[in-house]
Amino acid sequence: MDGSLVLRWSLTVAFALAGGYCTAQCVGVLRTRGRLDTSTLLANVAHLAMSAVMVGMVWWTASWRVVTWEIALFAVAAGWFAVRVVAMAQPVAGVRVRPPLAHGPAHSKLGCAYHATAMAAMVWMLTAMAGQSRMAGMSHGGSSPATRALTATLLAAYFAIAAAVWLSSAGRRRRMPGSSAQALMSAAMGTAIVTLAW
């Protein structure tokens, strides 16, 4: 990643804090007695993976083989969140819907839509960076710099808006769990996309 050490370390700390929160949530879910909250567990595992990969992208350039596995992982995660959005939009008779504020964004349509977009953004960013690396020194192939810059700008704007929404939610009395961590993750993602993909 091009950029100052201050920016690199700032992003590293931000992603490490967000990943630490996700790790604590995973431990909390696993230690809870009774029915396992699989949705919350998988959502936090996905975001923990996202934090770890982003820290790696800040400091190192991964090989194409590693990036391929990462792209597959985040594509599956994006699809899973998208399926949850559709499933929650179709209420099933006799099934009690959990209140999303009490159980976190993995049980909210809006939260899952955000997560799906974040995972899809990871797929795009990994693909764009891998394309840049493989096309270095070649005169043709890959998306144009203008297209890449436009997509990065749109995604950065999306994450900036998402960060503001999560931060606003964190300040409310009836806030959704993890709002502050999601705001931090969104702000860091927006910054990283502009820095890494341009």
N, C-alpha and C. Protein backbone atom coordinates (compact mmCIF):
# COMPACT_ATOMS: atom_id res chain seq x y z
N MET A 1 0.84 -1.19 0.00
CA MET A 1 0.00 0.00 0.00
C MET A 1 0.87 1.24 0.00
N ASP A 2 0.56 2.17 -0.89
CA ASP A 2 1.25 3.45 -0.90
C ASP A 2 0.64 4.34 0.17
N GLY A 3 1.48 5.15 0.78
CA GLY A 3 0.97 6.04 1.81
C GLY A 3 1.93 6.14 2.97
N SER A 4 1.69 7.12 3.84
CA SER A 4 2.58 7.35 4.96
C SER A 4 2.43 6.27 6.01
N LEU A 5 3.43 6.16 6.86
CA LEU A 5 3.37 5.20 7.96
C LEU A 5 2.26 5.56 8.94
N VAL A 6 2.00 6.86 9.08
CA VAL A 6 0.92 7.29 9.98
C VAL A 6 -0.42 6.73 9.50
N LEU A 7 -0.67 6.83 8.18
CA LEU A 7 -1.91 6.30 7.62
C LEU A 7 -1.98 4.79 7.78
N ARG A 8 -0.87 4.12 7.50
CA ARG A 8 -0.85 2.66 7.62
C ARG A 8 -1.14 2.21 9.04
N TRP A 9 -0.49 2.85 10.00
CA TRP A 9 -0.70 2.46 11.39
C TRP A 9 -2.09 2.84 11.87
N SER A 10 -2.61 3.96 11.40
CA SER A 10 -3.98 4.37 11.78
C SER A 10 -4.99 3.33 11.30
N LEU A 11 -4.85 2.90 10.04
CA LEU A 11 -5.75 1.88 9.51
C LEU A 11 -5.57 0.55 10.23
N THR A 12 -4.33 0.21 10.54
CA THR A 12 -4.05 -1.03 11.25
C THR A 12 -4.74 -1.05 12.61
N VAL A 13 -4.61 0.06 13.34
CA VAL A 13 -5.24 0.15 14.66
C VAL A 13 -6.76 0.08 14.54
N ALA A 14 -7.31 0.78 13.55
CA ALA A 14 -8.77 0.79 13.37
C ALA A 14 -9.30 -0.62 13.07
N PHE A 15 -8.64 -1.31 12.14
CA PHE A 15 -9.09 -2.66 11.79
C PHE A 15 -8.83 -3.64 12.94
N ALA A 16 -7.75 -3.43 13.68
CA ALA A 16 -7.46 -4.31 14.82
C ALA A 16 -8.52 -4.14 15.92
N LEU A 17 -8.93 -2.90 16.16
CA LEU A 17 -9.97 -2.66 17.17
C LEU A 17 -11.30 -3.27 16.75
N ALA A 18 -11.66 -3.07 15.47
CA ALA A 18 -12.91 -3.65 14.97
C ALA A 18 -12.85 -5.17 15.02
N GLY A 19 -11.70 -5.73 14.63
CA GLY A 19 -11.54 -7.18 14.68
C GLY A 19 -11.55 -7.71 16.11
N GLY A 20 -11.00 -6.94 17.02
CA GLY A 20 -11.03 -7.32 18.43
C GLY A 20 -12.45 -7.38 18.97
N TYR A 21 -13.26 -6.42 18.56
CA TYR A 21 -14.67 -6.43 18.97
C TYR A 21 -15.38 -7.68 18.43
N CYS A 22 -15.13 -7.98 17.15
CA CYS A 22 -15.75 -9.16 16.54
C CYS A 22 -15.31 -10.44 17.24
N THR A 23 -14.04 -10.50 17.62
CA THR A 23 -13.53 -11.67 18.34
C THR A 23 -14.24 -11.82 19.68
N ALA A 24 -14.40 -10.69 20.41
CA ALA A 24 -15.09 -10.72 21.70
C ALA A 24 -16.54 -11.18 21.53
N GLN A 25 -17.18 -10.74 20.44
CA GLN A 25 -18.55 -11.15 20.18
C GLN A 25 -18.64 -12.65 19.90
N CYS A 26 -17.68 -13.16 19.14
CA CYS A 26 -17.65 -14.60 18.85
C CYS A 26 -17.52 -15.41 20.14
N VAL A 27 -16.60 -14.97 21.00
CA VAL A 27 -16.39 -15.66 22.29
C VAL A 27 -17.67 -15.60 23.12
N GLY A 28 -18.30 -14.42 23.12
CA GLY A 28 -19.54 -14.26 23.89
C GLY A 28 -20.64 -15.18 23.40
N VAL A 29 -20.78 -15.30 22.09
CA VAL A 29 -21.81 -16.18 21.52
C VAL A 29 -21.53 -17.63 21.88
N LEU A 30 -20.26 -18.05 21.77
CA LEU A 30 -19.90 -19.44 22.05
C LEU A 30 -20.06 -19.79 23.53
N ARG A 31 -19.93 -18.78 24.39
CA ARG A 31 -20.03 -19.05 25.83
C ARG A 31 -21.46 -18.95 26.35
N THR A 32 -22.36 -18.45 25.52
CA THR A 32 -23.76 -18.32 25.93
C THR A 32 -24.43 -19.68 25.99
N ARG A 33 -25.11 -19.92 27.06
CA ARG A 33 -25.82 -21.20 27.21
C ARG A 33 -27.12 -21.15 26.42
N GLY A 34 -27.58 -22.31 26.04
CA GLY A 34 -28.82 -22.37 25.28
C GLY A 34 -28.54 -22.46 23.79
N ARG A 35 -29.48 -21.98 23.00
CA ARG A 35 -29.38 -22.09 21.55
C ARG A 35 -28.26 -21.21 21.00
N LEU A 36 -27.43 -21.77 20.14
CA LEU A 36 -26.31 -21.04 19.55
C LEU A 36 -26.83 -20.04 18.51
N ASP A 37 -26.43 -18.78 18.67
CA ASP A 37 -26.82 -17.74 17.72
C ASP A 37 -25.87 -17.80 16.52
N THR A 38 -26.17 -18.69 15.60
CA THR A 38 -25.29 -18.93 14.45
C THR A 38 -25.14 -17.69 13.57
N SER A 39 -26.21 -16.94 13.39
CA SER A 39 -26.17 -15.76 12.51
C SER A 39 -25.19 -14.72 13.04
N THR A 40 -25.28 -14.43 14.32
CA THR A 40 -24.36 -13.45 14.92
C THR A 40 -22.93 -13.97 14.88
N LEU A 41 -22.75 -15.26 15.14
CA LEU A 41 -21.40 -15.85 15.12
C LEU A 41 -20.78 -15.74 13.74
N LEU A 42 -21.52 -16.15 12.70
CA LEU A 42 -20.99 -16.10 11.33
C LEU A 42 -20.75 -14.68 10.86
N ALA A 43 -21.62 -13.75 11.26
CA ALA A 43 -21.44 -12.35 10.88
C ALA A 43 -20.15 -11.80 11.46
N ASN A 44 -19.89 -12.12 12.72
CA ASN A 44 -18.67 -11.62 13.36
C ASN A 44 -17.42 -12.32 12.83
N VAL A 45 -17.53 -13.60 12.49
CA VAL A 45 -16.40 -14.30 11.87
C VAL A 45 -16.06 -13.66 10.52
N ALA A 46 -17.10 -13.33 9.74
CA ALA A 46 -16.88 -12.69 8.44
C ALA A 46 -16.18 -11.35 8.60
N HIS A 47 -16.60 -10.57 9.59
CA HIS A 47 -15.98 -9.26 9.78
C HIS A 47 -14.60 -9.36 10.41
N LEU A 48 -14.38 -10.40 11.21
CA LEU A 48 -13.04 -10.63 11.73
C LEU A 48 -12.09 -10.97 10.59
N ALA A 49 -12.56 -11.80 9.65
CA ALA A 49 -11.74 -12.12 8.47
C ALA A 49 -11.48 -10.87 7.64
N MET A 50 -12.49 -10.02 7.52
CA MET A 50 -12.33 -8.79 6.76
C MET A 50 -11.28 -7.89 7.40
N SER A 51 -11.32 -7.77 8.73
CA SER A 51 -10.34 -6.96 9.44
C SER A 51 -8.93 -7.49 9.23
N ALA A 52 -8.78 -8.81 9.34
CA ALA A 52 -7.46 -9.43 9.19
C ALA A 52 -6.91 -9.23 7.78
N VAL A 53 -7.77 -9.43 6.78
CA VAL A 53 -7.32 -9.27 5.39
C VAL A 53 -6.96 -7.81 5.10
N MET A 54 -7.74 -6.89 5.66
CA MET A 54 -7.45 -5.47 5.43
C MET A 54 -6.12 -5.07 6.06
N VAL A 55 -5.83 -5.57 7.24
CA VAL A 55 -4.53 -5.29 7.86
C VAL A 55 -3.41 -5.83 6.97
N GLY A 56 -3.61 -7.03 6.44
CA GLY A 56 -2.61 -7.60 5.54
C GLY A 56 -2.43 -6.77 4.29
N MET A 57 -3.53 -6.26 3.73
CA MET A 57 -3.45 -5.46 2.50
C MET A 57 -2.74 -4.13 2.73
N VAL A 58 -2.84 -3.61 3.95
CA VAL A 58 -2.18 -2.34 4.27
C VAL A 58 -0.66 -2.49 4.21
N TRP A 59 -0.17 -3.67 4.58
CA TRP A 59 1.28 -3.84 4.71
C TRP A 59 1.93 -4.72 3.64
N TRP A 60 1.17 -5.68 3.09
CA TRP A 60 1.79 -6.62 2.17
C TRP A 60 0.95 -6.79 0.91
N THR A 61 1.59 -7.30 -0.13
CA THR A 61 0.89 -7.68 -1.35
C THR A 61 0.82 -9.20 -1.39
N ALA A 62 -0.40 -9.72 -1.29
CA ALA A 62 -0.58 -11.17 -1.24
C ALA A 62 -0.40 -11.79 -2.62
N SER A 63 -0.05 -13.06 -2.65
CA SER A 63 0.07 -13.78 -3.92
C SER A 63 -1.31 -13.99 -4.53
N TRP A 64 -1.34 -14.27 -5.83
CA TRP A 64 -2.61 -14.47 -6.51
C TRP A 64 -3.39 -15.65 -5.93
N ARG A 65 -2.67 -16.71 -5.53
CA ARG A 65 -3.35 -17.88 -4.96
C ARG A 65 -4.07 -17.52 -3.66
N VAL A 66 -3.41 -16.75 -2.81
CA VAL A 66 -4.03 -16.33 -1.55
C VAL A 66 -5.23 -15.43 -1.83
N VAL A 67 -5.08 -14.48 -2.75
CA VAL A 67 -6.17 -13.56 -3.09
C VAL A 67 -7.37 -14.32 -3.63
N THR A 68 -7.14 -15.37 -4.41
CA THR A 68 -8.24 -16.16 -4.97
C THR A 68 -9.09 -16.77 -3.86
N TRP A 69 -8.45 -17.30 -2.83
CA TRP A 69 -9.18 -17.86 -1.70
C TRP A 69 -9.93 -16.77 -0.95
N GLU A 70 -9.30 -15.62 -0.80
CA GLU A 70 -9.95 -14.51 -0.10
C GLU A 70 -11.18 -14.03 -0.87
N ILE A 71 -11.07 -13.93 -2.19
CA ILE A 71 -12.20 -13.51 -3.03
C ILE A 71 -13.35 -14.50 -2.88
N ALA A 72 -13.04 -15.80 -2.90
CA ALA A 72 -14.07 -16.82 -2.75
C ALA A 72 -14.75 -16.72 -1.39
N LEU A 73 -13.97 -16.50 -0.34
CA LEU A 73 -14.51 -16.39 1.01
C LEU A 73 -15.49 -15.23 1.12
N PHE A 74 -15.08 -14.06 0.63
CA PHE A 74 -15.94 -12.88 0.77
C PHE A 74 -17.13 -12.91 -0.19
N ALA A 75 -16.98 -13.58 -1.32
CA ALA A 75 -18.11 -13.75 -2.23
C ALA A 75 -19.19 -14.61 -1.57
N VAL A 76 -18.78 -15.69 -0.89
CA VAL A 76 -19.72 -16.55 -0.17
C VAL A 76 -20.39 -15.76 0.96
N ALA A 77 -19.59 -14.98 1.68
CA ALA A 77 -20.13 -14.18 2.79
C ALA A 77 -21.14 -13.15 2.28
N ALA A 78 -20.83 -12.49 1.16
CA ALA A 78 -21.76 -11.52 0.58
C ALA A 78 -23.06 -12.19 0.18
N GLY A 79 -22.95 -13.36 -0.42
CA GLY A 79 -24.15 -14.11 -0.81
C GLY A 79 -24.98 -14.53 0.39
N TRP A 80 -24.31 -14.94 1.47
CA TRP A 80 -25.03 -15.37 2.67
C TRP A 80 -25.81 -14.20 3.27
N PHE A 81 -25.18 -13.03 3.36
CA PHE A 81 -25.88 -11.86 3.90
C PHE A 81 -27.04 -11.46 3.00
N ALA A 82 -26.85 -11.54 1.68
CA ALA A 82 -27.91 -11.19 0.74
C ALA A 82 -29.10 -12.13 0.89
N VAL A 83 -28.81 -13.42 1.06
CA VAL A 83 -29.88 -14.40 1.27
C VAL A 83 -30.64 -14.10 2.56
N ARG A 84 -29.92 -13.68 3.60
CA ARG A 84 -30.58 -13.33 4.86
C ARG A 84 -31.51 -12.14 4.69
N VAL A 85 -31.11 -11.16 3.89
CA VAL A 85 -31.97 -10.00 3.64
C VAL A 85 -33.28 -10.46 3.00
N VAL A 86 -33.16 -11.30 1.98
CA VAL A 86 -34.35 -11.81 1.29
C VAL A 86 -35.21 -12.65 2.24
N ALA A 87 -34.57 -13.50 3.04
CA ALA A 87 -35.30 -14.36 3.97
C ALA A 87 -36.05 -13.55 5.02
N MET A 88 -35.42 -12.50 5.52
CA MET A 88 -36.07 -11.67 6.54
C MET A 88 -37.20 -10.82 5.97
N ALA A 89 -37.15 -10.59 4.66
CA ALA A 89 -38.21 -9.82 4.01
C ALA A 89 -39.47 -10.64 3.79
N GLN A 90 -39.36 -11.96 3.99
CA GLN A 90 -40.51 -12.86 3.79
C GLN A 90 -40.82 -13.56 5.11
N PRO A 91 -41.71 -12.97 5.93
CA PRO A 91 -42.03 -13.57 7.23
C PRO A 91 -42.68 -14.94 7.08
N VAL A 92 -42.27 -15.86 7.96
CA VAL A 92 -42.81 -17.21 7.96
C VAL A 92 -43.86 -17.33 9.06
N ALA A 93 -45.00 -17.90 8.72
CA ALA A 93 -46.08 -18.04 9.69
C ALA A 93 -45.64 -18.90 10.87
N GLY A 94 -45.93 -18.40 12.06
CA GLY A 94 -45.62 -19.16 13.27
C GLY A 94 -44.21 -18.96 13.79
N VAL A 95 -43.40 -18.14 13.10
CA VAL A 95 -42.03 -17.89 13.54
C VAL A 95 -41.94 -16.50 14.13
N ARG A 96 -41.47 -16.40 15.37
CA ARG A 96 -41.36 -15.11 16.03
C ARG A 96 -40.08 -14.41 15.58
N VAL A 97 -40.24 -13.19 15.11
CA VAL A 97 -39.11 -12.42 14.61
C VAL A 97 -38.37 -11.79 15.78
N ARG A 98 -37.06 -11.96 15.80
CA ARG A 98 -36.25 -11.36 16.86
C ARG A 98 -36.13 -9.86 16.65
N PRO A 99 -36.22 -9.06 17.73
CA PRO A 99 -36.00 -7.62 17.57
C PRO A 99 -34.55 -7.33 17.25
N PRO A 100 -34.25 -6.66 16.12
CA PRO A 100 -32.87 -6.47 15.71
C PRO A 100 -32.04 -5.64 16.68
N LEU A 101 -32.67 -4.69 17.39
CA LEU A 101 -31.91 -3.86 18.31
C LEU A 101 -31.33 -4.70 19.45
N ALA A 102 -32.03 -5.75 19.83
CA ALA A 102 -31.55 -6.56 20.94
C ALA A 102 -30.52 -7.59 20.52
N HIS A 103 -30.53 -7.98 19.25
CA HIS A 103 -29.67 -9.08 18.81
C HIS A 103 -28.59 -8.67 17.81
N GLY A 104 -28.54 -7.41 17.45
CA GLY A 104 -27.46 -6.95 16.58
C GLY A 104 -27.81 -6.95 15.10
N PRO A 105 -26.89 -6.42 14.29
CA PRO A 105 -27.15 -6.24 12.86
C PRO A 105 -27.33 -7.52 12.06
N ALA A 106 -26.88 -8.66 12.58
CA ALA A 106 -27.07 -9.92 11.86
C ALA A 106 -28.54 -10.32 11.81
N HIS A 107 -29.37 -9.69 12.65
CA HIS A 107 -30.80 -9.98 12.69
C HIS A 107 -31.62 -8.81 12.16
N SER A 108 -30.98 -7.92 11.42
CA SER A 108 -31.65 -6.76 10.85
C SER A 108 -31.48 -6.76 9.34
N LYS A 109 -32.56 -6.46 8.61
CA LYS A 109 -32.47 -6.43 7.15
C LYS A 109 -31.48 -5.36 6.70
N LEU A 110 -31.55 -4.19 7.31
CA LEU A 110 -30.64 -3.10 6.93
C LEU A 110 -29.21 -3.46 7.28
N GLY A 111 -29.01 -4.08 8.45
CA GLY A 111 -27.67 -4.49 8.86
C GLY A 111 -27.09 -5.53 7.92
N CYS A 112 -27.90 -6.52 7.55
CA CYS A 112 -27.42 -7.56 6.63
C CYS A 112 -27.15 -7.00 5.24
N ALA A 113 -27.97 -6.02 4.81
CA ALA A 113 -27.73 -5.39 3.51
C ALA A 113 -26.40 -4.65 3.52
N TYR A 114 -26.10 -3.97 4.63
CA TYR A 114 -24.80 -3.30 4.77
C TYR A 114 -23.67 -4.32 4.73
N HIS A 115 -23.81 -5.42 5.48
CA HIS A 115 -22.77 -6.44 5.52
C HIS A 115 -22.54 -7.05 4.14
N ALA A 116 -23.63 -7.30 3.41
CA ALA A 116 -23.51 -7.87 2.06
C ALA A 116 -22.73 -6.93 1.15
N THR A 117 -23.03 -5.64 1.25
CA THR A 117 -22.32 -4.65 0.43
C THR A 117 -20.85 -4.57 0.82
N ALA A 118 -20.57 -4.62 2.13
CA ALA A 118 -19.18 -4.57 2.60
C ALA A 118 -18.38 -5.77 2.09
N MET A 119 -18.98 -6.94 2.13
CA MET A 119 -18.29 -8.14 1.63
C MET A 119 -18.09 -8.08 0.12
N ALA A 120 -19.10 -7.56 -0.59
CA ALA A 120 -18.97 -7.40 -2.05
C ALA A 120 -17.88 -6.38 -2.37
N ALA A 121 -17.75 -5.34 -1.55
CA ALA A 121 -16.69 -4.35 -1.74
C ALA A 121 -15.32 -4.99 -1.57
N MET A 122 -15.22 -5.93 -0.63
CA MET A 122 -13.96 -6.64 -0.45
C MET A 122 -13.62 -7.45 -1.69
N VAL A 123 -14.63 -8.10 -2.27
CA VAL A 123 -14.40 -8.88 -3.50
C VAL A 123 -13.89 -7.97 -4.60
N TRP A 124 -14.54 -6.81 -4.76
CA TRP A 124 -14.10 -5.87 -5.81
C TRP A 124 -12.68 -5.38 -5.56
N MET A 125 -12.40 -5.00 -4.31
CA MET A 125 -11.08 -4.44 -4.01
C MET A 125 -9.97 -5.47 -4.21
N LEU A 126 -10.21 -6.69 -3.76
CA LEU A 126 -9.21 -7.74 -3.95
C LEU A 126 -8.99 -8.03 -5.43
N THR A 127 -10.09 -8.06 -6.19
CA THR A 127 -9.99 -8.30 -7.63
C THR A 127 -9.25 -7.18 -8.33
N ALA A 128 -9.57 -5.93 -7.94
CA ALA A 128 -8.92 -4.77 -8.56
C ALA A 128 -7.43 -4.74 -8.26
N MET A 129 -7.07 -5.03 -7.02
CA MET A 129 -5.66 -5.01 -6.65
C MET A 129 -4.90 -6.16 -7.30
N ALA A 130 -5.53 -7.33 -7.38
CA ALA A 130 -4.88 -8.46 -8.05
C ALA A 130 -4.69 -8.15 -9.52
N GLY A 131 -5.67 -7.49 -10.14
CA GLY A 131 -5.56 -7.10 -11.54
C GLY A 131 -4.43 -6.11 -11.76
N GLN A 132 -4.31 -5.16 -10.84
CA GLN A 132 -3.22 -4.19 -10.93
C GLN A 132 -1.87 -4.88 -10.86
N SER A 133 -1.77 -5.83 -9.93
CA SER A 133 -0.50 -6.53 -9.74
C SER A 133 -0.13 -7.38 -10.95
N ARG A 134 -1.13 -8.10 -11.49
CA ARG A 134 -0.85 -9.01 -12.61
C ARG A 134 -0.61 -8.25 -13.91
N MET A 135 -1.20 -7.05 -14.02
CA MET A 135 -1.05 -6.28 -15.25
C MET A 135 0.10 -5.28 -15.20
N ALA A 136 0.83 -5.28 -14.11
CA ALA A 136 1.96 -4.37 -14.02
C ALA A 136 2.95 -4.65 -15.14
N GLY A 137 3.28 -3.63 -15.86
CA GLY A 137 4.23 -3.77 -16.94
C GLY A 137 3.62 -4.19 -18.26
N MET A 138 2.31 -4.43 -18.27
CA MET A 138 1.64 -4.81 -19.52
C MET A 138 0.82 -3.62 -20.02
N SER A 139 0.65 -3.53 -21.30
CA SER A 139 -0.01 -2.36 -21.88
C SER A 139 -1.51 -2.54 -22.01
N HIS A 140 -2.02 -3.76 -21.92
CA HIS A 140 -3.44 -3.99 -22.10
C HIS A 140 -3.97 -4.91 -21.01
N GLY A 141 -5.29 -4.87 -20.81
CA GLY A 141 -5.94 -5.77 -19.86
C GLY A 141 -6.32 -5.08 -18.58
N GLY A 142 -7.33 -5.66 -17.90
CA GLY A 142 -7.78 -5.10 -16.64
C GLY A 142 -8.69 -3.91 -16.85
N SER A 143 -9.32 -3.47 -15.77
CA SER A 143 -10.19 -2.31 -15.86
C SER A 143 -9.36 -1.05 -15.98
N SER A 144 -9.93 -0.03 -16.59
CA SER A 144 -9.19 1.21 -16.79
C SER A 144 -9.03 1.94 -15.47
N PRO A 145 -7.98 2.76 -15.34
CA PRO A 145 -7.79 3.52 -14.09
C PRO A 145 -8.97 4.42 -13.77
N ALA A 146 -9.62 4.98 -14.81
CA ALA A 146 -10.77 5.86 -14.58
C ALA A 146 -11.94 5.09 -13.98
N THR A 147 -12.20 3.89 -14.51
CA THR A 147 -13.28 3.06 -13.98
C THR A 147 -12.99 2.63 -12.54
N ARG A 148 -11.75 2.26 -12.30
CA ARG A 148 -11.34 1.84 -10.95
C ARG A 148 -11.47 3.00 -9.97
N ALA A 149 -11.06 4.19 -10.40
CA ALA A 149 -11.14 5.37 -9.53
C ALA A 149 -12.59 5.74 -9.24
N LEU A 150 -13.46 5.65 -10.24
CA LEU A 150 -14.87 5.97 -10.04
C LEU A 150 -15.52 5.00 -9.07
N THR A 151 -15.25 3.70 -9.26
CA THR A 151 -15.82 2.69 -8.36
C THR A 151 -15.32 2.89 -6.94
N ALA A 152 -14.02 3.17 -6.80
CA ALA A 152 -13.44 3.39 -5.47
C ALA A 152 -14.07 4.61 -4.81
N THR A 153 -14.32 5.66 -5.58
CA THR A 153 -14.93 6.87 -5.04
C THR A 153 -16.34 6.61 -4.56
N LEU A 154 -17.12 5.87 -5.36
CA LEU A 154 -18.49 5.55 -4.98
C LEU A 154 -18.53 4.68 -3.72
N LEU A 155 -17.64 3.70 -3.66
CA LEU A 155 -17.60 2.84 -2.47
C LEU A 155 -17.15 3.61 -1.24
N ALA A 156 -16.17 4.51 -1.42
CA ALA A 156 -15.71 5.32 -0.30
C ALA A 156 -16.84 6.21 0.22
N ALA A 157 -17.62 6.79 -0.70
CA ALA A 157 -18.76 7.62 -0.30
C ALA A 157 -19.79 6.78 0.45
N TYR A 158 -20.03 5.57 -0.04
CA TYR A 158 -20.98 4.66 0.63
C TYR A 158 -20.52 4.36 2.05
N PHE A 159 -19.25 4.04 2.22
CA PHE A 159 -18.75 3.72 3.56
C PHE A 159 -18.73 4.95 4.47
N ALA A 160 -18.53 6.13 3.90
CA ALA A 160 -18.58 7.35 4.70
C ALA A 160 -20.00 7.58 5.24
N ILE A 161 -20.99 7.36 4.36
CA ILE A 161 -22.39 7.50 4.79
C ILE A 161 -22.72 6.43 5.83
N ALA A 162 -22.26 5.20 5.57
CA ALA A 162 -22.51 4.10 6.52
C ALA A 162 -21.90 4.40 7.88
N ALA A 163 -20.68 4.95 7.88
CA ALA A 163 -20.02 5.29 9.15
C ALA A 163 -20.83 6.31 9.92
N ALA A 164 -21.37 7.31 9.20
CA ALA A 164 -22.18 8.34 9.85
C ALA A 164 -23.46 7.74 10.43
N VAL A 165 -24.08 6.82 9.68
CA VAL A 165 -25.32 6.18 10.16
C VAL A 165 -25.04 5.33 11.39
N TRP A 166 -23.97 4.52 11.34
CA TRP A 166 -23.61 3.69 12.50
C TRP A 166 -23.27 4.55 13.71
N LEU A 167 -22.56 5.66 13.47
CA LEU A 167 -22.18 6.55 14.57
C LEU A 167 -23.41 7.20 15.17
N SER A 168 -24.36 7.57 14.32
CA SER A 168 -25.62 8.14 14.81
C SER A 168 -26.37 7.13 15.66
N SER A 169 -26.35 5.87 15.21
CA SER A 169 -27.03 4.81 15.98
C SER A 169 -26.35 4.59 17.32
N ALA A 170 -25.03 4.74 17.35
CA ALA A 170 -24.29 4.52 18.60
C ALA A 170 -24.64 5.55 19.66
N GLY A 171 -25.09 6.72 19.21
CA GLY A 171 -25.42 7.78 20.16
C GLY A 171 -26.83 7.72 20.69
N ARG A 172 -27.64 6.81 20.19
CA ARG A 172 -29.03 6.71 20.65
C ARG A 172 -29.14 5.85 21.90
N ARG A 173 -30.22 6.08 22.64
CA ARG A 173 -30.45 5.29 23.85
C ARG A 173 -30.72 3.82 23.49
N ARG A 174 -31.57 3.59 22.48
CA ARG A 174 -31.86 2.23 22.02
C ARG A 174 -30.99 1.94 20.80
N ARG A 175 -29.72 1.75 21.05
CA ARG A 175 -28.80 1.55 19.93
C ARG A 175 -28.61 0.07 19.63
N MET A 176 -28.19 -0.20 18.42
CA MET A 176 -27.91 -1.58 18.03
C MET A 176 -26.52 -1.97 18.52
N PRO A 177 -26.35 -3.16 19.09
CA PRO A 177 -25.04 -3.58 19.57
C PRO A 177 -23.99 -3.54 18.46
N GLY A 178 -22.81 -3.03 18.81
CA GLY A 178 -21.72 -3.00 17.84
C GLY A 178 -21.72 -1.81 16.91
N SER A 179 -22.57 -0.82 17.16
CA SER A 179 -22.65 0.33 16.25
C SER A 179 -21.33 1.10 16.16
N SER A 180 -20.68 1.28 17.29
CA SER A 180 -19.41 2.03 17.29
C SER A 180 -18.34 1.28 16.50
N ALA A 181 -18.27 -0.05 16.69
CA ALA A 181 -17.29 -0.86 15.97
C ALA A 181 -17.57 -0.84 14.46
N GLN A 182 -18.85 -0.90 14.09
CA GLN A 182 -19.20 -0.86 12.67
C GLN A 182 -18.90 0.50 12.06
N ALA A 183 -19.08 1.58 12.85
CA ALA A 183 -18.75 2.92 12.36
C ALA A 183 -17.25 3.03 12.11
N LEU A 184 -16.45 2.50 13.04
CA LEU A 184 -15.00 2.51 12.89
C LEU A 184 -14.57 1.70 11.67
N MET A 185 -15.16 0.52 11.50
CA MET A 185 -14.84 -0.34 10.36
C MET A 185 -15.20 0.34 9.04
N SER A 186 -16.36 0.99 9.01
CA SER A 186 -16.81 1.67 7.78
C SER A 186 -15.87 2.81 7.41
N ALA A 187 -15.50 3.62 8.40
CA ALA A 187 -14.59 4.74 8.14
C ALA A 187 -13.24 4.24 7.64
N ALA A 188 -12.73 3.18 8.26
CA ALA A 188 -11.44 2.62 7.84
C ALA A 188 -11.54 2.01 6.45
N MET A 189 -12.66 1.35 6.15
CA MET A 189 -12.84 0.74 4.83
C MET A 189 -12.87 1.81 3.74
N GLY A 190 -13.60 2.89 3.99
CA GLY A 190 -13.66 3.96 3.00
C GLY A 190 -12.29 4.56 2.72
N THR A 191 -11.53 4.78 3.77
CA THR A 191 -10.18 5.33 3.62
C THR A 191 -9.27 4.35 2.88
N ALA A 192 -9.35 3.08 3.25
CA ALA A 192 -8.48 2.07 2.63
C ALA A 192 -8.80 1.88 1.17
N ILE A 193 -10.08 1.90 0.81
CA ILE A 193 -10.45 1.70 -0.59
C ILE A 193 -9.89 2.80 -1.46
N VAL A 194 -10.00 4.04 -1.01
CA VAL A 194 -9.45 5.16 -1.78
C VAL A 194 -7.94 5.03 -1.92
N THR A 195 -7.27 4.65 -0.82
CA THR A 195 -5.81 4.57 -0.82
C THR A 195 -5.30 3.37 -1.62
N LEU A 196 -5.95 2.23 -1.45
CA LEU A 196 -5.46 0.99 -2.06
C LEU A 196 -5.84 0.84 -3.52
N ALA A 197 -7.06 1.23 -3.88
CA ALA A 197 -7.57 0.92 -5.21
C ALA A 197 -7.28 1.98 -6.25
N TRP A 198 -6.94 3.17 -5.84
CA TRP A 198 -6.67 4.23 -6.83
C TRP A 198 -5.33 4.00 -7.50
